[in-house]
Amino acid sequence: MKLARDFYAQPTVQAAQKLLGNYLVRVHPDGITTGMILETEAYVGLEDKASHASRGQTPRTAVMFGPAGFAYVYVIYGMHHCLNVVTEPEAYPAAVLIRAVPPCAGLELMQARRRQQDIRLLASGPGRLCQAFGIERGLSGIDLCGDVLFIEDRRVSPADVIATSRIGVDYAGPWKDMPWRFYIAGHPGVSKR
């Protein structure tokens, strides 16, 4: 069963933790890929200097200001796509970055897309997982309650979750130290320890 719209409307830090253990599903003409969400990061509101929304609404970030339960996909370094899940009520810009998703189904398709045989490296890191799952910028704004990209409702116990500061946001001043990165303890597929 897919996560319902009201799941995404909850506070972002809470959603980032509760997404762990659920299954990301991508339905593509080449095949279906599925994996367990292992690692996330929360980006919360205009005041969060690590968030794209801190610069206000732009054509790129407009989806973050929209209703919860939609995908925000952007490109970093001119080449890597990143998948975010929009959270909170409409007009409050917030999202959860999906950082790592170990594969459960569609392994051969992921290996072909990534040209990588090592399962641990297929979808460990936001750019790798988007390449493995065939997620590109054209999916930004897609409804996560639809049939192309969605999250299945399965979840691990919160006791298995580790919280740390976010990665790669040193420019954000004190916001870089917010403990808003979450991952499932002990899993080898975490993008960075």
Protein backbone atom coordinates (compact mmCIF):
# COMPACT_ATOMS: atom_id res chain seq x y z
CA MET A 1 0.00 0.00 0.00
CA LYS A 2 1.30 3.48 -0.93
CA LEU A 3 1.90 6.17 1.66
CA ALA A 4 -1.12 8.47 1.75
CA ARG A 5 -1.04 12.23 1.21
CA ASP A 6 -1.48 12.96 4.92
CA PHE A 7 1.78 11.12 5.68
CA TYR A 8 3.70 13.74 3.69
CA ALA A 9 1.89 16.67 5.34
CA GLN A 10 3.47 15.97 8.75
CA PRO A 11 6.44 17.94 10.15
CA THR A 12 9.52 17.39 7.97
CA VAL A 13 11.95 16.12 10.61
CA GLN A 14 9.35 13.58 11.71
CA ALA A 15 8.67 12.56 8.08
CA ALA A 16 12.41 12.14 7.43
CA GLN A 17 12.59 9.59 10.26
CA LYS A 18 9.37 7.82 9.35
CA LEU A 19 10.35 7.42 5.68
CA LEU A 20 13.15 5.07 6.76
CA GLY A 21 12.30 1.44 6.10
CA ASN A 22 9.61 2.26 3.55
CA TYR A 23 10.11 1.19 -0.07
CA LEU A 24 10.79 3.56 -2.95
CA VAL A 25 9.23 2.27 -6.18
CA ARG A 26 9.96 3.57 -9.69
CA VAL A 27 7.81 2.27 -12.56
CA HIS A 28 9.69 2.87 -15.83
CA PRO A 29 9.20 1.55 -19.38
CA ASP A 30 12.47 -0.40 -18.91
CA GLY A 31 11.19 -2.09 -15.74
CA ILE A 32 10.32 -1.60 -12.09
CA THR A 33 12.97 -0.80 -9.48
CA THR A 34 12.38 -1.01 -5.76
CA GLY A 35 14.49 -0.41 -2.67
CA MET A 36 14.26 0.31 1.03
CA ILE A 37 14.80 3.91 2.09
CA LEU A 38 17.88 3.77 4.27
CA GLU A 39 18.99 7.38 4.69
CA THR A 40 17.27 10.78 4.59
CA GLU A 41 17.87 14.48 5.35
CA ALA A 42 15.28 17.10 6.36
CA TYR A 43 15.23 20.65 4.93
CA VAL A 44 12.77 22.85 6.78
CA GLY A 45 11.37 26.24 5.78
CA LEU A 46 12.69 29.60 4.65
CA GLU A 47 14.93 30.05 7.70
CA ASP A 48 16.92 26.83 7.06
CA LYS A 49 19.99 28.20 5.25
CA ALA A 50 20.84 24.72 3.94
CA SER A 51 17.51 24.57 2.09
CA HIS A 52 16.97 25.76 -1.48
CA ALA A 53 13.83 27.47 -0.16
CA SER A 54 15.92 29.89 1.94
CA ARG A 55 16.35 32.03 -1.18
CA GLY A 56 12.59 32.25 -1.67
CA GLN A 57 10.34 30.76 -4.29
CA THR A 58 11.87 30.38 -7.77
CA PRO A 59 10.76 28.34 -10.79
CA ARG A 60 13.15 25.62 -9.58
CA THR A 61 11.84 25.51 -6.00
CA ALA A 62 8.15 26.17 -6.69
CA VAL A 63 7.25 22.52 -6.02
CA MET A 64 8.62 22.88 -2.47
CA PHE A 65 6.03 25.59 -1.84
CA GLY A 66 3.21 23.41 -3.16
CA PRO A 67 1.21 20.63 -1.55
CA ALA A 68 2.85 17.75 0.30
CA GLY A 69 3.45 14.42 -1.39
CA PHE A 70 5.14 15.58 -4.58
CA ALA A 71 8.70 14.98 -5.80
CA TYR A 72 11.25 17.79 -5.93
CA VAL A 73 14.08 16.69 -8.24
CA TYR A 74 17.04 18.95 -8.94
CA VAL A 75 20.54 18.66 -10.40
CA ILE A 76 23.77 19.28 -8.47
CA TYR A 77 27.24 19.81 -9.93
CA GLY A 78 25.57 19.95 -13.34
CA MET A 79 25.21 16.17 -13.51
CA HIS A 80 23.71 14.42 -10.45
CA HIS A 81 19.97 14.31 -9.81
CA CYS A 82 18.62 14.42 -6.25
CA LEU A 83 15.17 13.20 -5.16
CA ASN A 84 13.29 15.05 -2.43
CA VAL A 85 9.85 14.42 -0.98
CA VAL A 86 7.81 17.59 -0.36
CA THR A 87 6.38 17.77 3.17
CA GLU A 88 4.32 20.05 5.43
CA PRO A 89 1.26 22.18 4.51
CA GLU A 90 1.14 24.04 1.21
CA ALA A 91 3.07 27.36 1.12
CA TYR A 92 5.51 26.15 3.80
CA PRO A 93 8.59 25.06 1.83
CA ALA A 94 10.06 21.86 3.21
CA ALA A 95 11.30 18.55 1.84
CA VAL A 96 13.15 15.36 2.68
CA LEU A 97 16.18 14.41 0.59
CA ILE A 98 16.39 10.66 -0.04
CA ARG A 99 20.10 9.82 0.32
CA ALA A 100 20.36 6.01 0.07
CA VAL A 101 18.08 3.20 -1.09
CA PRO A 102 19.55 -0.33 -1.18
CA PRO A 103 17.94 -2.30 -4.04
CA CYS A 104 15.27 -4.93 -3.45
CA ALA A 105 13.95 -5.48 -7.00
CA GLY A 106 15.18 -4.53 -10.45
CA LEU A 107 18.80 -5.20 -9.51
CA GLU A 108 20.01 -5.98 -13.06
CA LEU A 109 18.39 -2.81 -14.42
CA MET A 110 20.05 -0.74 -11.70
CA GLN A 111 23.42 -2.37 -12.41
CA ALA A 112 23.07 -1.60 -16.13
CA ARG A 113 22.07 2.02 -15.50
CA ARG A 114 24.96 2.57 -13.09
CA ARG A 115 27.48 0.32 -14.88
CA GLN A 116 28.23 -0.96 -11.40
CA GLN A 117 28.06 -4.52 -10.05
CA ASP A 118 28.73 -3.78 -6.36
CA ILE A 119 25.26 -3.72 -4.78
CA ARG A 120 26.46 -1.45 -1.94
CA LEU A 121 27.40 1.27 -4.45
CA LEU A 122 24.29 1.13 -6.65
CA ALA A 123 22.08 3.56 -4.77
CA SER A 124 24.24 4.81 -1.89
CA GLY A 125 24.15 8.59 -2.23
CA PRO A 126 21.48 10.81 -3.79
CA GLY A 127 23.03 10.97 -7.27
CA ARG A 128 23.68 7.25 -7.46
CA LEU A 129 20.17 6.34 -6.36
CA CYS A 130 18.57 8.64 -8.93
CA GLN A 131 20.70 7.12 -11.69
CA ALA A 132 19.93 3.57 -10.49
CA PHE A 133 16.19 4.28 -10.30
CA GLY A 134 15.96 6.27 -13.53
CA ILE A 135 14.89 9.45 -11.70
CA GLU A 136 15.57 12.63 -13.65
CA ARG A 137 14.55 16.28 -13.45
CA GLY A 138 11.50 15.63 -15.63
CA LEU A 139 9.96 13.90 -12.60
CA SER A 140 10.12 17.06 -10.47
CA GLY A 141 6.56 17.87 -9.50
CA ILE A 142 5.26 14.33 -10.00
CA ASP A 143 2.64 13.14 -7.52
CA LEU A 144 4.10 10.53 -5.15
CA CYS A 145 0.60 9.17 -4.67
CA GLY A 146 0.53 8.25 -8.38
CA ASP A 147 1.79 5.22 -10.29
CA VAL A 148 5.20 6.27 -11.69
CA LEU A 149 7.19 7.09 -8.55
CA PHE A 150 5.81 6.30 -5.10
CA ILE A 151 6.66 5.01 -1.64
CA GLU A 152 5.19 1.81 -0.24
CA ASP A 153 4.13 1.80 3.39
CA ARG A 154 6.60 -0.42 5.27
CA ARG A 155 8.65 0.88 8.19
CA VAL A 156 11.30 -0.15 10.69
CA SER A 157 11.16 0.70 14.37
CA PRO A 158 12.42 4.21 15.28
CA ALA A 159 14.78 2.49 17.75
CA ASP A 160 16.88 1.52 14.72
CA VAL A 161 17.42 5.13 13.59
CA ILE A 162 20.61 7.23 14.00
CA ALA A 163 20.49 11.06 13.79
CA THR A 164 23.50 13.14 12.66
CA SER A 165 24.21 16.53 11.10
CA ARG A 166 23.54 16.89 7.37
CA ILE A 167 26.20 16.34 4.70
CA GLY A 168 27.67 18.91 2.30
CA VAL A 169 26.01 22.03 3.72
CA ASP A 170 28.98 23.76 5.36
CA TYR A 171 27.88 27.06 3.75
CA ALA A 172 24.74 27.11 5.93
CA GLY A 173 26.33 28.48 9.10
CA PRO A 174 24.79 27.03 12.27
CA TRP A 175 22.15 25.26 10.17
CA LYS A 176 24.83 22.81 9.00
CA ASP A 177 24.88 21.31 12.50
CA MET A 178 21.17 20.54 12.72
CA PRO A 179 20.82 16.80 13.49
CA TRP A 180 18.43 16.28 10.57
CA ARG A 181 20.13 13.43 8.74
CA PHE A 182 18.73 10.02 9.62
CA TYR A 183 19.75 6.49 8.74
CA ILE A 184 19.08 2.93 9.78
CA ALA A 185 21.79 1.77 12.18
CA GLY A 186 24.25 -0.89 11.10
CA HIS A 187 23.32 -1.01 7.39
CA PRO A 188 26.28 -1.18 4.95
CA GLY A 189 24.46 0.91 2.30
CA VAL A 190 24.63 4.23 4.20
CA SER A 191 26.19 6.88 1.94
CA LYS A 192 28.56 8.27 4.57
CA ARG A 193 29.26 7.24 8.17
